[in-house]
Amino acid sequence: MDTAWLTLTSTMTEHSITMWTQSDVCWKCPLQQVLHVHVRVKPDTYNNVTVLVNTSFITEIAIKIVDNATYQREVCRLNKKFREYGNYSLYVNPNNTDTDQMMADCTLVAVNETWDSNTPIIAAVGILIGMAILWVIIKYLYRNHYLYKVMFCLKTEYLINSDLGTPTNMNPGDNTKNIDKTKQRLKSLDTFRGISIVTMIFVNYGGGGYWFFKHSRWNGLTVADLVFPWFVFIMGTAMAISFRSLVRKATPKKQLLLKIIKRTIILFVLGLFINSSGGHNDVSTLRIPGVLQRFAAAYLVTALLELLFAQAEPYYEDVWWRCVQDLVVYWPEWFINLALVAVYLVVTFGIQIPDSTNCPMGYTGPGGISENGNYANCTGGIAGYIDRWLLGTAHVYQHGTAQKTYQTTVAYDPEGILGTITTIFICFLGLHAGKIIITYKSHRGRIIRWLIWAVFLGSIALLLTKCSQNDGWIPINKNLWSLSFVLANGSLAFILLSVCYLTIDVWHIWSGAPFFYPGMNSIFLYLGHEVLGGYFPVQIKVPPTHAARLAMNLWGAAFWVIVSVYMHYKNVFITI
């Protein structure tokens, strides 16, 4: 999967040749030698060697003539995005017409190009959209009794109605006039959470093997990089609403503090439980950081700040700054969070790694072969050093996303200590989204403010990155949870929240299904998919193709959606 065959054929009679390749996803990486084709011995024969090449990204290829044992001279270079399972031939023929030095012509020929590997995902999206449209149509027909009229002829319907009366619409959604809407649960929040957890399950199960459903190798942003920050964001949003409710009830702060500490400990311990699954229960090598551990830390800090500054009725009518009171009233929380961000930036870019002669201050690269291997042991810069120093190399993640592409040898944990600071900040951005809900009562006021924040955060992220993947001041980087990464995800989270809120709670054109149900039991689903992901019937072994794996991974996500629907109708809601 994600490979093609490339055969290098040489007709050189006096020189052997070498082929060097590199993927364009590897930032500032030198080309690596993959083939050496020797001089052909007989005039009527050709020397050829076949190698597998990656099809996920553009591959850069260089052909060099070996003039002597120590010197190789490049004669051609080309870039190609190969098609999965394709068969290609690269012919190298001598050409010394215009020079005294031996030169060569390179010709790349597609012997057999197969179908586009993205076809399964396009088909899957089309099928899912078709199913959604069909469900909406059936639901509409059912609610308006059109199905009833189709199933029975008009005469039969008339007789039934004469004897028994016209059927009554028992849909509880139609009798909403007397419901106090102010006390209704915002389904958009649960739907947002459900979108995050279902997408997380899908990408964790493999995402069909597609690169855009995997985490970025280093800099960049993929679908897989969105779900964790979004989950943290919506945790903050729900926190604002729940704390307002508790403060209204005059719940003692001591009781709230104990609840915060209890939930933090439970989340952290559950994270260690997940890390120890699959036989990784050796205490001497147990990974300490993790997703739930990061949740715990972000929740602890944000909840403690909210405990100090939450207000029961944070709305002021007769003040000149009422349009921005969501900022003014909670300025201490903003001050503390921005101070934490400042600390993160100072530590990341202003502190030299101790006892390091080759790791420059402010280095945030992947190390390994990047930049000609000059900073091979500097993976993650000061962030990686802090984790290895405080936790020990054996207790951090050993198989980072940069390992294969950049050939790194230093352990690096994407859920490490320093990145927790920016995780706290995106949790606070979610908290502020919740503050907008409890401060402003009009739909328009909420949505306008969310969209303003989306544009503002997104603009700063684009500025920091210079609209570039690798060449900005602060590139988007999930491994580091860089500031631009958090701002970009915060921007997208505000947009998604606005869309969910409009379609579900304002226009009522979407019920939130099926994502609403997983959002009601998100922690249970996260634990369940982690523990049972390798067992039947959640996942089974399938052929190594995108189509087969996509179907299996979609089923894995759908399985947990079905579980959440069952739990909902059984009124089973597991919270921490």
Protein backbone atom coordinates (compact mmCIF):
# COMPACT_ATOMS: atom_id res chain seq x y z
CA MET A 1 0.00 0.00 0.00
CA ASP A 2 1.18 3.54 -0.84
CA THR A 3 3.99 2.14 -2.99
CA ALA A 4 4.84 1.70 -6.67
CA TRP A 5 7.59 -0.18 -8.52
CA LEU A 6 10.35 1.80 -10.17
CA THR A 7 12.88 -0.01 -12.36
CA LEU A 8 16.12 1.81 -13.13
CA THR A 9 17.61 0.62 -16.43
CA SER A 10 21.10 1.68 -17.47
CA THR A 11 22.75 1.35 -20.91
CA MET A 12 25.97 2.96 -19.69
CA THR A 13 29.07 1.09 -20.89
CA GLU A 14 31.78 2.97 -19.05
CA HIS A 15 30.26 4.20 -15.79
CA SER A 16 28.03 2.82 -13.12
CA ILE A 17 25.20 5.00 -11.86
CA THR A 18 23.39 5.61 -8.58
CA MET A 19 19.86 6.75 -7.83
CA TRP A 20 19.08 9.10 -4.95
CA THR A 21 15.56 9.88 -3.72
CA GLN A 22 13.75 11.89 -1.09
CA SER A 23 10.11 12.66 -0.32
CA ASP A 24 9.07 16.30 -0.46
CA VAL A 25 7.44 15.91 2.96
CA CYS A 26 10.91 15.61 4.50
CA TRP A 27 11.86 19.21 5.24
CA LYS A 28 15.45 20.21 4.30
CA CYS A 29 16.42 16.55 3.99
CA PRO A 30 19.29 15.48 1.71
CA LEU A 31 18.63 12.87 -0.92
CA GLN A 32 19.37 9.30 0.12
CA GLN A 33 21.05 6.74 -2.11
CA VAL A 34 18.75 3.81 -2.83
CA LEU A 35 20.27 2.10 -5.88
CA HIS A 36 23.61 1.41 -7.50
CA VAL A 37 23.55 0.04 -11.07
CA HIS A 38 26.87 -1.25 -12.32
CA VAL A 39 28.31 -1.01 -15.83
CA ARG A 40 26.75 -3.46 -18.26
CA VAL A 41 29.11 -6.29 -19.16
CA LYS A 42 27.71 -7.33 -22.56
CA PRO A 43 26.69 -4.88 -25.30
CA ASP A 44 23.33 -6.53 -25.89
CA THR A 45 22.25 -6.58 -22.25
CA TYR A 46 20.94 -3.95 -19.87
CA ASN A 47 21.53 -3.64 -16.17
CA ASN A 48 18.39 -2.86 -14.20
CA VAL A 49 17.33 -2.78 -10.58
CA THR A 50 13.79 -2.41 -9.20
CA VAL A 51 12.90 -0.54 -6.02
CA LEU A 52 9.70 0.44 -4.22
CA VAL A 53 8.89 4.17 -4.12
CA ASN A 54 6.37 6.02 -1.98
CA THR A 55 3.15 7.21 -3.61
CA SER A 56 1.75 9.43 -0.85
CA PHE A 57 3.90 12.43 -1.68
CA ILE A 58 6.01 13.80 -4.52
CA THR A 59 9.34 12.01 -4.79
CA GLU A 60 12.48 13.84 -5.89
CA ILE A 61 14.92 11.67 -7.88
CA ALA A 62 18.51 12.36 -8.82
CA ILE A 63 20.71 10.19 -11.07
CA LYS A 64 24.46 10.38 -10.59
CA ILE A 65 27.33 8.97 -12.64
CA VAL A 66 30.08 7.38 -10.57
CA ASP A 67 33.31 8.84 -11.97
CA ASN A 68 35.51 7.25 -9.34
CA ALA A 69 35.29 5.71 -5.93
CA THR A 70 34.84 9.04 -4.13
CA TYR A 71 33.09 11.30 -6.62
CA GLN A 72 29.60 11.12 -8.11
CA ARG A 73 28.35 13.63 -10.67
CA GLU A 74 24.66 14.41 -10.99
CA VAL A 75 23.37 14.16 -14.56
CA CYS A 76 19.63 14.54 -14.14
CA ARG A 77 16.96 15.34 -11.57
CA LEU A 78 13.18 14.97 -11.69
CA ASN A 79 10.09 15.06 -9.48
CA LYS A 80 7.20 12.65 -9.75
CA LYS A 81 3.99 11.85 -7.85
CA PHE A 82 3.71 8.12 -8.44
CA ARG A 83 0.38 6.27 -8.54
CA GLU A 84 -0.21 3.47 -6.06
CA TYR A 85 0.67 -0.02 -7.39
CA GLY A 86 1.97 1.55 -10.59
CA ASN A 87 4.89 0.17 -12.56
CA TYR A 88 7.46 2.66 -13.84
CA SER A 89 10.77 2.48 -15.69
CA LEU A 90 13.54 5.07 -15.61
CA TYR A 91 15.95 4.70 -18.54
CA VAL A 92 19.43 6.21 -18.33
CA ASN A 93 21.22 6.40 -21.68
CA PRO A 94 24.68 7.84 -22.44
CA ASN A 95 24.86 11.28 -24.07
CA ASN A 96 28.29 12.84 -24.57
CA THR A 97 27.52 14.86 -27.68
CA ASP A 98 28.28 18.35 -26.40
CA THR A 99 30.83 17.80 -23.69
CA ASP A 100 34.00 15.98 -22.89
CA GLN A 101 32.43 14.62 -19.74
CA MET A 102 30.17 11.64 -19.93
CA MET A 103 26.54 12.82 -19.65
CA ALA A 104 23.25 10.95 -19.73
CA ASP A 105 19.62 11.31 -20.73
CA CYS A 106 16.94 10.22 -18.28
CA THR A 107 13.50 9.12 -19.43
CA LEU A 108 10.74 8.14 -17.03
CA VAL A 109 8.04 5.92 -18.53
CA ALA A 110 4.81 4.73 -16.92
CA VAL A 111 4.59 1.05 -17.86
CA ASN A 112 1.34 0.62 -15.97
CA GLU A 113 -0.50 3.31 -13.98
CA THR A 114 -3.36 1.97 -11.89
CA TRP A 115 -6.40 3.79 -10.58
CA ASP A 116 -6.22 6.75 -8.24
CA SER A 117 -5.76 5.57 -4.65
CA ASN A 118 -8.13 8.33 -3.50
CA THR A 119 -11.06 6.69 -5.29
CA PRO A 120 -12.19 4.68 -2.21
CA ILE A 121 -12.36 7.76 0.01
CA ILE A 122 -14.24 9.71 -2.66
CA ALA A 123 -16.69 6.82 -3.02
CA ALA A 124 -17.08 6.55 0.76
CA VAL A 125 -17.82 10.26 1.11
CA GLY A 126 -20.38 10.02 -1.68
CA ILE A 127 -22.07 7.02 -0.06
CA LEU A 128 -22.20 8.70 3.36
CA ILE A 129 -23.65 11.89 1.88
CA GLY A 130 -26.20 9.82 -0.05
CA MET A 131 -27.19 7.93 3.11
CA ALA A 132 -27.57 11.20 5.01
CA ILE A 133 -29.79 12.68 2.30
CA LEU A 134 -31.87 9.49 2.15
CA TRP A 135 -32.31 9.54 5.92
CA VAL A 136 -33.49 13.16 5.84
CA ILE A 137 -36.00 12.36 3.09
CA ILE A 138 -37.36 9.30 4.93
CA LYS A 139 -37.61 11.27 8.15
CA TYR A 140 -39.48 14.06 6.39
CA LEU A 141 -41.88 11.63 4.71
CA TYR A 142 -42.53 9.85 8.00
CA ARG A 143 -43.22 12.99 9.99
CA ASN A 144 -45.64 14.27 7.34
CA HIS A 145 -47.40 10.90 6.95
CA TYR A 146 -46.39 10.53 3.32
CA LEU A 147 -45.13 7.02 3.96
CA TYR A 148 -48.49 6.14 5.44
CA LYS A 149 -50.25 7.40 2.33
CA VAL A 150 -47.92 5.48 0.04
CA MET A 151 -48.35 2.22 1.92
CA PHE A 152 -52.14 2.33 1.89
CA CYS A 153 -54.40 3.32 -0.93
CA LEU A 154 -56.64 6.35 -0.46
CA LYS A 155 -59.80 4.25 -0.14
CA THR A 156 -58.34 2.11 2.63
CA GLU A 157 -57.09 5.22 4.36
CA TYR A 158 -60.57 6.76 4.18
CA LEU A 159 -62.18 3.70 5.76
CA ILE A 160 -59.62 3.54 8.51
CA ASN A 161 -59.99 7.22 9.26
CA SER A 162 -63.76 6.90 9.35
CA ASP A 163 -63.65 4.18 11.96
CA LEU A 164 -60.60 5.09 13.99
CA GLY A 165 -59.85 8.73 13.22
CA THR A 166 -56.84 10.30 11.62
CA PRO A 167 -53.49 9.18 13.09
CA THR A 168 -51.89 11.63 15.47
CA ASN A 169 -48.29 12.80 15.10
CA MET A 170 -46.65 11.65 18.32
CA ASN A 171 -43.28 13.19 17.51
CA PRO A 172 -42.31 15.08 20.69
CA GLY A 173 -40.33 17.52 18.58
CA ASP A 174 -43.56 19.01 17.21
CA ASN A 175 -44.90 20.09 20.58
CA THR A 176 -42.27 22.54 21.66
CA LYS A 177 -44.22 25.72 22.15
CA ASN A 178 -44.54 25.33 25.89
CA ILE A 179 -40.96 24.22 26.49
CA ASP A 180 -38.70 26.65 28.24
CA LYS A 181 -35.92 26.88 25.67
CA THR A 182 -33.58 28.55 28.12
CA LYS A 183 -33.38 25.28 30.04
CA GLN A 184 -32.81 23.07 27.03
CA ARG A 185 -29.42 21.44 26.65
CA LEU A 186 -27.44 22.84 23.73
CA LYS A 187 -27.22 19.83 21.44
CA SER A 188 -24.63 21.61 19.32
CA LEU A 189 -22.04 21.20 22.07
CA ASP A 190 -22.62 17.45 22.32
CA THR A 191 -22.59 17.21 18.52
CA PHE A 192 -19.29 19.09 18.36
CA ARG A 193 -17.86 16.71 20.95
CA GLY A 194 -19.27 13.75 19.04
CA ILE A 195 -17.69 14.88 15.78
CA SER A 196 -14.36 15.10 17.60
CA ILE A 197 -14.53 11.68 19.24
CA VAL A 198 -15.85 9.82 16.15
CA THR A 199 -13.17 11.37 13.95
CA MET A 200 -10.57 10.56 16.61
CA ILE A 201 -11.67 6.91 16.67
CA PHE A 202 -11.58 6.72 12.87
CA VAL A 203 -8.06 8.16 12.55
CA ASN A 204 -6.75 6.15 15.51
CA TYR A 205 -7.94 2.97 13.82
CA GLY A 206 -5.95 3.92 10.74
CA GLY A 207 -8.10 6.25 8.66
CA GLY A 208 -7.98 3.87 5.72
CA GLY A 209 -4.20 4.26 5.55
CA TYR A 210 -4.42 7.71 3.95
CA TRP A 211 -1.69 10.18 4.86
CA PHE A 212 -4.15 13.01 5.54
CA PHE A 213 -5.81 10.88 8.23
CA LYS A 214 -2.45 10.45 9.96
CA HIS A 215 -0.58 12.98 12.06
CA SER A 216 1.83 15.29 10.29
CA ARG A 217 5.40 14.03 10.12
CA TRP A 218 6.51 17.31 11.69
CA ASN A 219 5.22 20.68 10.48
CA GLY A 220 1.81 20.85 8.87
CA LEU A 221 -1.85 20.16 9.59
CA THR A 222 -3.89 17.07 8.74
CA VAL A 223 -7.36 15.87 9.72
CA ALA A 224 -5.81 13.77 12.48
CA ASP A 225 -4.20 16.88 13.95
CA LEU A 226 -7.57 18.58 14.45
CA VAL A 227 -9.50 16.23 16.71
CA PHE A 228 -7.49 16.37 19.96
CA PRO A 229 -7.40 20.19 20.12
CA TRP A 230 -11.11 20.33 19.26
CA PHE A 231 -11.86 17.91 22.08
CA VAL A 232 -9.93 20.10 24.51
CA PHE A 233 -11.70 23.19 23.15
CA ILE A 234 -15.20 21.83 23.69
CA MET A 235 -14.22 20.62 27.16
CA GLY A 236 -13.56 24.25 28.02
CA THR A 237 -16.88 25.36 26.51
CA ALA A 238 -18.84 22.85 28.57
CA MET A 239 -16.84 23.84 31.64
CA ALA A 240 -18.03 27.45 31.45
CA ILE A 241 -21.68 26.40 31.39
CA SER A 242 -21.37 23.79 34.15
CA PHE A 243 -19.46 26.14 36.45
CA ARG A 244 -22.05 28.88 35.97
CA SER A 245 -24.74 26.39 36.99
CA LEU A 246 -22.80 25.32 40.09
CA VAL A 247 -22.11 28.90 41.13
CA ARG A 248 -25.79 29.73 40.73
CA LYS A 249 -26.60 26.92 43.14
CA ALA A 250 -24.12 28.43 45.63
CA THR A 251 -22.07 25.23 45.65
CA PRO A 252 -19.24 25.60 48.20
CA LYS A 253 -15.86 26.24 46.57
CA LYS A 254 -14.29 23.57 48.73
CA GLN A 255 -16.66 21.02 47.21
CA LEU A 256 -15.87 22.27 43.71
CA LEU A 257 -12.14 22.07 44.43
CA LEU A 258 -12.44 18.45 45.56
CA LYS A 259 -14.44 17.65 42.42
CA ILE A 260 -11.75 19.23 40.22
CA ILE A 261 -8.95 17.32 41.94
CA LYS A 262 -10.90 14.05 41.80
CA ARG A 263 -11.62 14.38 38.08
CA THR A 264 -8.00 15.31 37.34
CA ILE A 265 -6.68 12.25 39.16
CA ILE A 266 -9.19 9.93 37.46
CA LEU A 267 -8.29 11.25 34.00
CA PHE A 268 -4.57 10.92 34.68
CA VAL A 269 -4.87 7.37 36.05
CA LEU A 270 -7.05 6.32 33.11
CA GLY A 271 -4.38 7.69 30.81
CA LEU A 272 -1.75 5.53 32.49
CA PHE A 273 -4.10 2.57 32.17
CA ILE A 274 -4.35 3.16 28.41
CA ASN A 275 -0.56 3.48 28.16
CA SER A 276 -0.08 0.14 29.95
CA SER A 277 -2.46 -1.79 27.67
CA GLY A 278 -1.10 -4.24 25.13
CA GLY A 279 1.50 -5.59 27.55
CA HIS A 280 3.29 -2.26 28.06
CA ASN A 281 2.99 -2.55 31.84
CA ASP A 282 6.66 -2.55 32.77
CA VAL A 283 6.94 0.27 35.30
CA SER A 284 10.53 0.95 34.29
CA THR A 285 9.48 1.83 30.74
CA LEU A 286 5.84 2.92 31.22
CA ARG A 287 5.03 6.01 29.17
CA ILE A 288 3.91 8.78 31.52
CA PRO A 289 2.51 11.45 29.14
CA GLY A 290 -0.55 10.76 27.05
CA VAL A 291 -3.81 12.11 25.71
CA LEU A 292 -5.86 11.77 28.89
CA GLN A 293 -2.94 13.00 30.97
CA ARG A 294 -2.88 16.13 28.82
CA PHE A 295 -6.63 16.45 29.28
CA ALA A 296 -6.17 16.19 33.02
CA ALA A 297 -3.54 18.93 33.16
CA ALA A 298 -5.50 21.32 30.93
CA TYR A 299 -8.68 20.68 32.89
CA LEU A 300 -6.96 21.20 36.24
CA VAL A 301 -5.48 24.61 35.43
CA THR A 302 -8.51 25.94 33.53
CA ALA A 303 -10.97 24.70 36.15
CA LEU A 304 -8.98 26.21 39.01
CA LEU A 305 -8.97 29.58 37.27
CA GLU A 306 -12.68 29.32 36.62
CA LEU A 307 -13.21 28.37 40.25
CA LEU A 308 -11.61 31.65 41.27
CA PHE A 309 -13.30 33.95 38.76
CA ALA A 310 -16.61 32.36 37.65
CA GLN A 311 -19.74 34.50 38.08
CA ALA A 312 -23.37 33.45 38.34
CA GLU A 313 -24.76 36.33 36.24
CA PRO A 314 -21.89 37.87 34.25
CA TYR A 315 -24.06 40.32 32.32
CA TYR A 316 -23.99 44.09 32.77
CA GLU A 317 -26.60 46.11 30.92
CA ASP A 318 -25.78 49.74 31.65
CA VAL A 319 -22.04 49.88 30.99
CA TRP A 320 -20.29 51.32 27.96
CA TRP A 321 -18.20 48.18 27.53
CA ARG A 322 -21.15 45.76 27.47
CA CYS A 323 -20.31 44.70 23.89
CA VAL A 324 -16.99 43.27 25.09
CA GLN A 325 -17.93 42.37 28.63
CA ASP A 326 -17.03 38.73 28.01
CA LEU A 327 -13.44 40.01 27.86
CA VAL A 328 -13.59 42.74 30.50
CA VAL A 329 -15.31 40.74 33.23
CA TYR A 330 -12.83 37.88 32.93
CA TRP A 331 -9.67 39.91 32.35
CA PRO A 332 -7.75 38.13 35.17
CA GLU A 333 -8.17 34.78 33.38
CA TRP A 334 -7.02 36.33 30.12
CA PHE A 335 -4.01 37.86 31.83
CA ILE A 336 -2.95 34.56 33.40
CA ASN A 337 -3.41 32.56 30.19
CA LEU A 338 -1.52 35.07 28.06
CA ALA A 339 1.24 35.05 30.68
CA LEU A 340 1.41 31.25 30.34
CA VAL A 341 1.69 31.60 26.56
CA ALA A 342 4.51 34.11 27.07
CA VAL A 343 6.30 31.61 29.31
CA TYR A 344 5.91 28.94 26.63
CA LEU A 345 7.43 31.23 23.98
CA VAL A 346 10.32 32.31 26.21
CA VAL A 347 11.19 28.72 27.13
CA THR A 348 10.82 27.47 23.54
CA PHE A 349 12.85 30.19 21.83
CA GLY A 350 14.92 31.76 24.58
CA ILE A 351 16.53 28.92 26.55
CA GLN A 352 19.58 27.01 25.40
CA ILE A 353 19.56 23.24 25.86
CA PRO A 354 22.08 22.53 28.65
CA ASP A 355 25.23 20.62 27.77
CA SER A 356 24.45 20.79 24.07
CA THR A 357 27.01 21.97 21.55
CA ASN A 358 25.06 21.38 18.34
CA CYS A 359 21.47 22.28 19.30
CA PRO A 360 20.95 26.01 18.70
CA MET A 361 18.73 28.05 20.99
CA GLY A 362 15.19 28.19 19.69
CA TYR A 363 15.51 25.06 17.54
CA THR A 364 12.10 23.46 16.91
CA GLY A 365 12.95 21.10 14.07
CA PRO A 366 12.64 17.31 13.82
CA GLY A 367 16.37 16.54 14.03
CA GLY A 368 17.48 13.36 12.31
CA ILE A 369 18.55 13.84 8.69
CA SER A 370 16.83 17.23 8.40
CA GLU A 371 19.21 20.08 7.54
CA ASN A 372 21.89 17.56 6.50
CA GLY A 373 21.85 15.94 9.92
CA ASN A 374 23.47 18.92 11.63
CA TYR A 375 20.98 18.70 14.50
CA ALA A 376 20.37 14.97 14.51
CA ASN A 377 19.90 14.67 18.29
CA CYS A 378 17.90 17.88 18.74
CA THR A 379 14.42 16.53 17.97
CA GLY A 380 11.83 18.93 19.37
CA GLY A 381 14.41 21.29 20.82
CA ILE A 382 13.96 22.31 24.45
CA ALA A 383 10.53 20.63 24.63
CA GLY A 384 12.03 17.21 23.99
CA TYR A 385 14.91 17.89 26.36
CA ILE A 386 12.58 18.82 29.24
CA ASP A 387 10.62 15.57 28.89
CA ARG A 388 13.72 13.40 28.75
CA TRP A 389 15.27 15.26 31.68
CA LEU A 390 12.25 15.26 34.01
CA LEU A 391 10.55 12.00 33.02
CA GLY A 392 13.45 9.96 31.69
CA THR A 393 13.98 8.79 28.14
CA ALA A 394 12.35 5.42 28.85
CA HIS A 395 9.09 7.06 29.98
CA VAL A 396 8.33 9.12 26.87
CA TYR A 397 6.92 8.06 23.52
CA GLN A 398 9.44 6.02 21.51
CA HIS A 399 7.84 5.99 18.05
CA GLY A 400 7.20 9.58 17.04
CA THR A 401 5.77 10.61 13.69
CA ALA A 402 9.15 11.99 12.61
CA GLN A 403 11.01 8.74 13.20
CA LYS A 404 10.45 7.07 9.83
CA THR A 405 10.63 10.13 7.58
CA TYR A 406 13.49 11.94 9.32
CA GLN A 407 15.25 8.83 10.66
CA THR A 408 15.36 10.26 14.16
CA THR A 409 16.94 8.31 16.98
CA VAL A 410 15.95 10.51 19.94
CA ALA A 411 12.71 9.76 21.78
CA TYR A 412 10.14 12.54 21.60
CA ASP A 413 6.65 12.72 23.14
CA PRO A 414 3.93 14.77 21.37
CA GLU A 415 2.01 14.99 24.67
CA GLY A 416 4.98 16.26 26.63
CA ILE A 417 5.24 18.79 29.43
CA LEU A 418 5.92 22.06 27.60
CA GLY A 419 3.09 21.64 25.10
CA THR A 420 0.67 21.36 28.02
CA ILE A 421 0.85 25.15 28.35
CA THR A 422 -0.61 25.77 24.90
CA THR A 423 -3.14 22.98 25.49
CA ILE A 424 -4.32 24.95 28.49
CA PHE A 425 -4.67 27.99 26.24
CA ILE A 426 -6.92 26.26 23.69
CA CYS A 427 -8.98 24.90 26.57
CA PHE A 428 -9.32 28.49 27.74
CA LEU A 429 -10.38 29.57 24.23
CA GLY A 430 -13.12 26.96 24.46
CA LEU A 431 -13.99 28.28 27.92
CA HIS A 432 -14.34 31.74 26.41
CA ALA A 433 -16.69 30.36 23.76
CA GLY A 434 -18.83 29.13 26.65
CA LYS A 435 -18.59 32.53 28.34
CA ILE A 436 -20.05 34.05 25.19
CA ILE A 437 -22.99 31.65 25.50
CA ILE A 438 -23.75 32.58 29.10
CA THR A 439 -23.09 36.30 28.65
CA TYR A 440 -25.04 37.04 25.46
CA LYS A 441 -28.55 35.69 25.03
CA SER A 442 -29.15 36.39 21.33
CA HIS A 443 -28.15 33.85 18.70
CA ARG A 444 -26.76 36.59 16.50
CA GLY A 445 -24.59 38.04 19.26
CA ARG A 446 -23.05 34.65 19.99
CA ILE A 447 -22.38 33.67 16.38
CA ILE A 448 -20.93 37.04 15.39
CA ARG A 449 -18.49 36.93 18.30
CA TRP A 450 -17.48 33.34 17.53
CA LEU A 451 -16.82 34.18 13.90
CA ILE A 452 -14.84 37.29 14.87
CA TRP A 453 -12.66 35.12 17.07
CA ALA A 454 -12.27 32.61 14.24
CA VAL A 455 -11.03 35.29 11.86
CA PHE A 456 -8.80 36.88 14.49
CA LEU A 457 -7.11 33.66 15.59
CA GLY A 458 -6.79 32.38 12.04
CA SER A 459 -5.17 35.63 10.89
CA ILE A 460 -2.56 35.47 13.66
CA ALA A 461 -1.84 31.84 12.79
CA LEU A 462 -1.34 32.73 9.13
CA LEU A 463 0.93 35.63 10.13
CA LEU A 464 3.08 33.44 12.37
CA THR A 465 3.46 30.81 9.65
CA LYS A 466 3.89 33.34 6.80
CA CYS A 467 1.26 31.22 5.04
CA SER A 468 3.89 28.51 4.69
CA GLN A 469 4.23 24.98 6.03
CA ASN A 470 7.87 25.22 7.03
CA ASP A 471 9.23 28.72 6.47
CA GLY A 472 7.25 30.79 8.98
CA TRP A 473 8.40 32.20 12.30
CA ILE A 474 6.31 29.60 14.15
CA PRO A 475 5.15 26.77 11.85
CA ILE A 476 2.02 24.79 12.64
CA ASN A 477 3.25 21.75 14.53
CA LYS A 478 1.16 19.22 16.42
CA ASN A 479 4.17 17.50 17.97
CA LEU A 480 5.17 20.75 19.67
CA TRP A 481 1.63 22.12 20.06
CA SER A 482 3.11 25.30 18.68
CA LEU A 483 1.29 28.60 19.19
CA SER A 484 0.29 28.74 15.52
CA PHE A 485 -1.07 25.18 15.79
CA VAL A 486 -3.26 26.12 18.73
CA LEU A 487 -4.47 29.36 17.12
CA ALA A 488 -5.29 27.61 13.82
CA ASN A 489 -7.22 24.88 15.61
CA GLY A 490 -8.97 27.44 17.79
CA SER A 491 -10.05 29.31 14.67
CA LEU A 492 -11.44 26.16 13.05
CA ALA A 493 -13.12 25.17 16.33
CA PHE A 494 -14.98 28.49 16.53
CA ILE A 495 -16.15 27.98 12.93
CA LEU A 496 -17.32 24.41 13.58
CA LEU A 497 -19.10 25.49 16.76
CA SER A 498 -20.87 28.27 14.85
CA VAL A 499 -22.02 25.84 12.14
CA CYS A 500 -23.28 23.28 14.67
CA TYR A 501 -25.03 25.95 16.73
CA LEU A 502 -26.74 27.50 13.69
CA THR A 503 -27.92 24.26 12.10
CA ILE A 504 -28.94 22.48 15.32
CA ASP A 505 -30.00 25.02 17.96
CA VAL A 506 -31.04 28.00 15.83
CA TRP A 507 -32.40 26.81 12.48
CA HIS A 508 -33.28 23.28 13.71
CA ILE A 509 -32.47 21.77 10.32
CA TRP A 510 -30.23 19.10 11.85
CA SER A 511 -30.77 17.07 14.98
CA GLY A 512 -27.06 16.50 15.49
CA ALA A 513 -27.41 12.80 14.71
CA PRO A 514 -25.48 10.61 14.68
CA PHE A 515 -22.71 12.61 16.36
CA PHE A 516 -24.94 13.84 19.16
CA TYR A 517 -25.00 10.37 20.74
CA PRO A 518 -21.22 9.77 20.96
CA GLY A 519 -20.88 13.29 22.37
CA MET A 520 -22.97 12.24 25.38
CA ASN A 521 -20.56 9.41 26.30
CA SER A 522 -17.29 10.61 24.82
CA ILE A 523 -14.92 9.49 27.59
CA PHE A 524 -16.41 5.99 27.64
CA LEU A 525 -16.06 5.73 23.86
CA TYR A 526 -12.47 6.92 23.99
CA LEU A 527 -11.53 4.31 26.58
CA GLY A 528 -13.52 1.60 24.82
CA HIS A 529 -11.99 2.18 21.40
CA GLU A 530 -8.48 2.20 22.88
CA VAL A 531 -8.92 -1.02 24.86
CA LEU A 532 -11.05 -3.03 22.41
CA GLY A 533 -9.70 -1.67 19.14
CA GLY A 534 -7.81 -4.86 18.32
CA TYR A 535 -10.66 -7.26 19.02
CA PHE A 536 -13.51 -8.71 16.96
CA PRO A 537 -16.00 -7.34 15.97
CA VAL A 538 -14.57 -3.83 16.33
CA GLN A 539 -11.70 -4.52 13.93
CA ILE A 540 -10.63 -7.55 11.92
CA LYS A 541 -7.66 -8.22 9.70
CA VAL A 542 -8.23 -7.13 6.11
CA PRO A 543 -6.06 -6.97 2.95
CA PRO A 544 -3.53 -4.11 2.91
CA THR A 545 -5.45 -1.88 0.52
CA HIS A 546 -6.98 1.54 1.03
CA ALA A 547 -10.44 0.28 0.12
CA ALA A 548 -10.39 -2.62 2.60
CA ARG A 549 -8.84 -0.63 5.42
CA LEU A 550 -11.13 2.33 4.87
CA ALA A 551 -14.18 0.07 5.09
CA MET A 552 -12.81 -1.57 8.25
CA ASN A 553 -11.92 1.71 9.94
CA LEU A 554 -15.28 3.25 9.06
CA TRP A 555 -16.94 0.22 10.58
CA GLY A 556 -14.81 0.60 13.70
CA ALA A 557 -16.02 4.19 14.15
CA ALA A 558 -19.60 3.20 13.30
CA PHE A 559 -19.48 0.42 15.89
CA TRP A 560 -18.91 2.91 18.68
CA VAL A 561 -21.59 5.21 17.30
CA ILE A 562 -24.03 2.27 17.54
CA VAL A 563 -22.88 1.62 21.11
CA SER A 564 -23.47 5.27 22.01
CA VAL A 565 -26.97 5.23 20.46
CA TYR A 566 -27.83 2.14 22.51
CA MET A 567 -26.49 3.74 25.68
CA HIS A 568 -28.52 6.89 24.97
CA TYR A 569 -31.79 5.02 24.60
CA LYS A 570 -31.01 3.05 27.75
CA ASN A 571 -30.30 6.35 29.56
CA VAL A 572 -26.75 5.27 30.36
CA PHE A 573 -24.40 8.23 30.56
CA ILE A 574 -20.92 7.71 31.96
CA THR A 575 -19.13 10.86 33.11
CA ILE A 576 -16.13 11.59 35.26
